[in-house]
Amino acid sequence: MVMQLALQRAQTQAQAQGVELQPALVPYPLLIQAEEESLHQMTMHLISNALQFTPSGGRVVLRTELDAMEYLARLCVEDNGPGIPPEVLPRLFDRLYQVGTGREGSGLGLELVRRVAETFGGSIKVTSPPGTGARFCVSFPCTGPRWRAPNAPNGAPGNRSGRFS
């Protein structure tokens, strides 16, 4: 539910910039213990950053994943923009830090993403091989019983509330 809403809200910005916004969401609910509004804000910051750094004709992918072995729900935002210089990566989540010049923003978005992830027991990881774009993945522990959701791989969590996908 949260991811669908974020995709709908970001679609206008993506179209205006000539960037393809592509969903790659698991077809079953991923349950985590978190506030929907915080998840939505976090997701919108990640998508907005990806769109900001992706040139026209590029692609941003919003992906949800299940790590059944570690019982983690993962949200990843991937782009095929210019990537993030290696020397910037250690400061990326610092408060008020901004990458590049001439970009809009306050430097609070990624710090907020990190704070939301940590508040709800999660973590964030960024990978950005030079010149190939960036991938931000936020992982949260799954909640609820470990039962197999319909059409889900073995070990996939499920429940009837608190949907992450």
Protein backbone atom coordinates (compact mmCIF):
# COMPACT_ATOMS: atom_id res chain seq x y z
CA MET A 1 0.00 0.00 0.00
CA VAL A 2 2.75 2.48 0.99
CA MET A 3 4.80 1.67 -2.11
CA GLN A 4 1.82 1.99 -4.47
CA LEU A 5 0.98 5.42 -3.07
CA ALA A 6 4.59 6.57 -3.38
CA LEU A 7 4.71 5.40 -6.99
CA GLN A 8 1.49 7.26 -7.81
CA ARG A 9 2.73 10.49 -6.22
CA ALA A 10 6.16 10.35 -7.88
CA GLN A 11 4.86 9.50 -11.36
CA THR A 12 4.13 13.13 -12.30
CA GLN A 13 7.66 14.25 -11.40
CA ALA A 14 9.14 11.29 -13.30
CA GLN A 15 7.10 12.02 -16.42
CA ALA A 16 7.98 15.73 -16.33
CA GLN A 17 11.68 14.81 -16.22
CA GLY A 18 11.40 12.13 -18.90
CA VAL A 19 12.44 9.39 -16.46
CA GLU A 20 10.81 5.96 -16.38
CA LEU A 21 9.56 5.05 -12.88
CA GLN A 22 9.40 1.28 -12.75
CA PRO A 23 7.80 -0.78 -9.95
CA ALA A 24 9.25 -4.16 -9.05
CA LEU A 25 7.14 -5.09 -6.03
CA VAL A 26 6.67 -8.53 -4.52
CA PRO A 27 3.08 -9.76 -5.01
CA TYR A 28 2.47 -10.40 -1.30
CA PRO A 29 2.52 -8.23 1.82
CA LEU A 30 5.76 -7.71 3.70
CA LEU A 31 4.97 -6.94 7.33
CA ILE A 32 7.14 -4.66 9.40
CA GLN A 33 6.64 -2.68 12.60
CA ALA A 34 6.64 0.94 11.41
CA GLU A 35 4.36 3.94 10.96
CA GLU A 36 2.94 4.19 7.45
CA GLU A 37 3.47 7.96 7.27
CA SER A 38 7.16 7.61 8.17
CA LEU A 39 7.57 4.85 5.58
CA HIS A 40 5.86 6.99 2.98
CA GLN A 41 8.11 10.00 3.71
CA MET A 42 11.20 7.81 3.62
CA THR A 43 10.16 6.25 0.31
CA MET A 44 9.35 9.61 -1.25
CA HIS A 45 12.77 11.01 -0.24
CA LEU A 46 14.53 8.05 -1.83
CA ILE A 47 12.51 8.29 -5.04
CA SER A 48 12.88 12.08 -5.21
CA ASN A 49 16.66 11.85 -4.81
CA ALA A 50 16.88 9.18 -7.50
CA LEU A 51 14.78 11.28 -9.89
CA GLN A 52 16.86 14.37 -9.13
CA PHE A 53 20.08 12.64 -10.18
CA THR A 54 18.74 10.60 -13.11
CA PRO A 55 18.93 12.24 -16.55
CA SER A 56 16.05 12.37 -19.00
CA GLY A 57 15.67 8.99 -20.67
CA GLY A 58 16.89 7.24 -17.51
CA ARG A 59 15.15 4.82 -15.20
CA VAL A 60 14.33 4.65 -11.48
CA VAL A 61 13.20 1.32 -10.04
CA LEU A 62 11.27 0.95 -6.79
CA ARG A 63 11.80 -2.64 -5.64
CA THR A 64 10.59 -4.64 -2.64
CA GLU A 65 12.33 -7.84 -1.66
CA LEU A 66 12.11 -10.51 0.98
CA ASP A 67 15.22 -11.98 2.55
CA ALA A 68 13.58 -15.14 3.87
CA MET A 69 16.81 -16.41 5.43
CA GLU A 70 17.25 -13.32 7.62
CA TYR A 71 13.49 -12.56 7.80
CA LEU A 72 13.98 -9.03 6.43
CA ALA A 73 11.73 -6.89 4.26
CA ARG A 74 13.75 -4.71 1.92
CA LEU A 75 12.86 -1.57 -0.02
CA CYS A 76 15.35 -0.61 -2.72
CA VAL A 77 15.41 2.43 -4.97
CA GLU A 78 17.76 2.07 -7.92
CA ASP A 79 18.67 4.56 -10.64
CA ASN A 80 20.93 4.63 -13.66
CA GLY A 81 22.18 8.17 -13.08
CA PRO A 82 25.84 9.17 -12.78
CA GLY A 83 26.34 7.42 -9.44
CA ILE A 84 27.85 8.75 -6.23
CA PRO A 85 31.57 9.48 -5.98
CA PRO A 86 33.28 7.08 -3.53
CA GLU A 87 34.62 9.94 -1.40
CA VAL A 88 31.06 11.16 -0.78
CA LEU A 89 29.61 7.83 0.43
CA PRO A 90 30.84 8.11 4.07
CA ARG A 91 29.06 11.49 4.53
CA LEU A 92 25.92 10.75 2.54
CA PHE A 93 23.61 10.36 5.56
CA ASP A 94 25.05 13.29 7.54
CA ARG A 95 22.60 16.00 8.49
CA LEU A 96 22.58 18.94 6.01
CA TYR A 97 25.08 17.25 3.67
CA GLN A 98 24.29 17.74 -0.02
CA VAL A 99 25.82 16.00 -3.00
CA GLY A 100 26.80 18.26 -5.89
CA THR A 101 25.93 21.85 -6.47
CA GLY A 102 22.95 23.56 -8.02
CA ARG A 103 20.53 20.93 -6.74
CA GLU A 104 17.35 21.60 -4.83
CA GLY A 105 16.96 20.35 -1.30
CA SER A 106 17.93 21.00 2.28
CA GLY A 107 20.30 18.12 2.88
CA LEU A 108 17.84 16.55 5.32
CA GLY A 109 16.30 13.84 3.11
CA LEU A 110 18.86 11.06 3.44
CA GLU A 111 19.42 11.82 7.10
CA LEU A 112 15.66 11.41 7.60
CA VAL A 113 15.75 8.12 5.66
CA ARG A 114 18.50 6.80 7.94
CA ARG A 115 16.64 7.98 11.05
CA VAL A 116 13.36 6.32 9.99
CA ALA A 117 15.14 3.07 9.22
CA GLU A 118 16.92 3.02 12.58
CA THR A 119 13.83 4.08 14.54
CA PHE A 120 12.01 0.95 13.37
CA GLY A 121 14.94 -1.44 13.82
CA GLY A 122 16.16 -1.25 10.25
CA SER A 123 19.26 -0.22 8.40
CA ILE A 124 20.19 1.38 5.09
CA LYS A 125 22.89 0.49 2.63
CA VAL A 126 23.96 2.29 -0.52
CA THR A 127 25.97 0.89 -3.38
CA SER A 128 27.15 2.97 -6.30
CA PRO A 129 29.79 1.56 -8.61
CA PRO A 130 31.29 4.57 -10.48
CA GLY A 131 29.23 5.65 -13.48
CA THR A 132 26.46 3.05 -13.05
CA GLY A 133 23.90 4.78 -10.86
CA ALA A 134 23.03 4.15 -7.23
CA ARG A 135 21.07 1.59 -5.24
CA PHE A 136 19.68 2.50 -1.81
CA CYS A 137 18.27 -0.44 0.18
CA VAL A 138 16.45 -0.09 3.47
CA SER A 139 15.98 -3.33 5.41
CA PHE A 140 13.48 -3.87 8.23
CA PRO A 141 12.86 -6.94 10.38
CA CYS A 142 9.63 -8.67 9.40
CA THR A 143 6.91 -9.06 12.00
CA GLY A 144 4.10 -11.53 12.40
CA PRO A 145 4.10 -15.28 12.12
CA ARG A 146 6.31 -17.00 9.58
CA TRP A 147 3.54 -18.46 7.52
CA ARG A 148 3.60 -18.81 3.78
CA ALA A 149 1.63 -16.08 2.03
CA PRO A 150 -0.35 -17.07 -1.09
CA ASN A 151 1.96 -17.19 -4.13
CA ALA A 152 4.96 -16.36 -1.94
CA PRO A 153 8.24 -18.26 -1.81
CA ASN A 154 8.79 -20.65 1.08
CA GLY A 155 9.36 -18.76 4.32
CA ALA A 156 7.65 -15.56 3.15
CA PRO A 157 5.96 -13.73 6.00
CA GLY A 158 2.40 -12.61 5.81
CA ASN A 159 -0.49 -11.27 7.82
CA ARG A 160 -3.61 -9.27 7.16
CA SER A 161 -2.38 -5.83 8.35
CA GLY A 162 0.65 -3.53 8.27
CA ARG A 163 1.46 -4.02 4.59
CA PHE A 164 4.84 -2.76 3.41
CA SER A 165 4.43 -3.69 -0.25
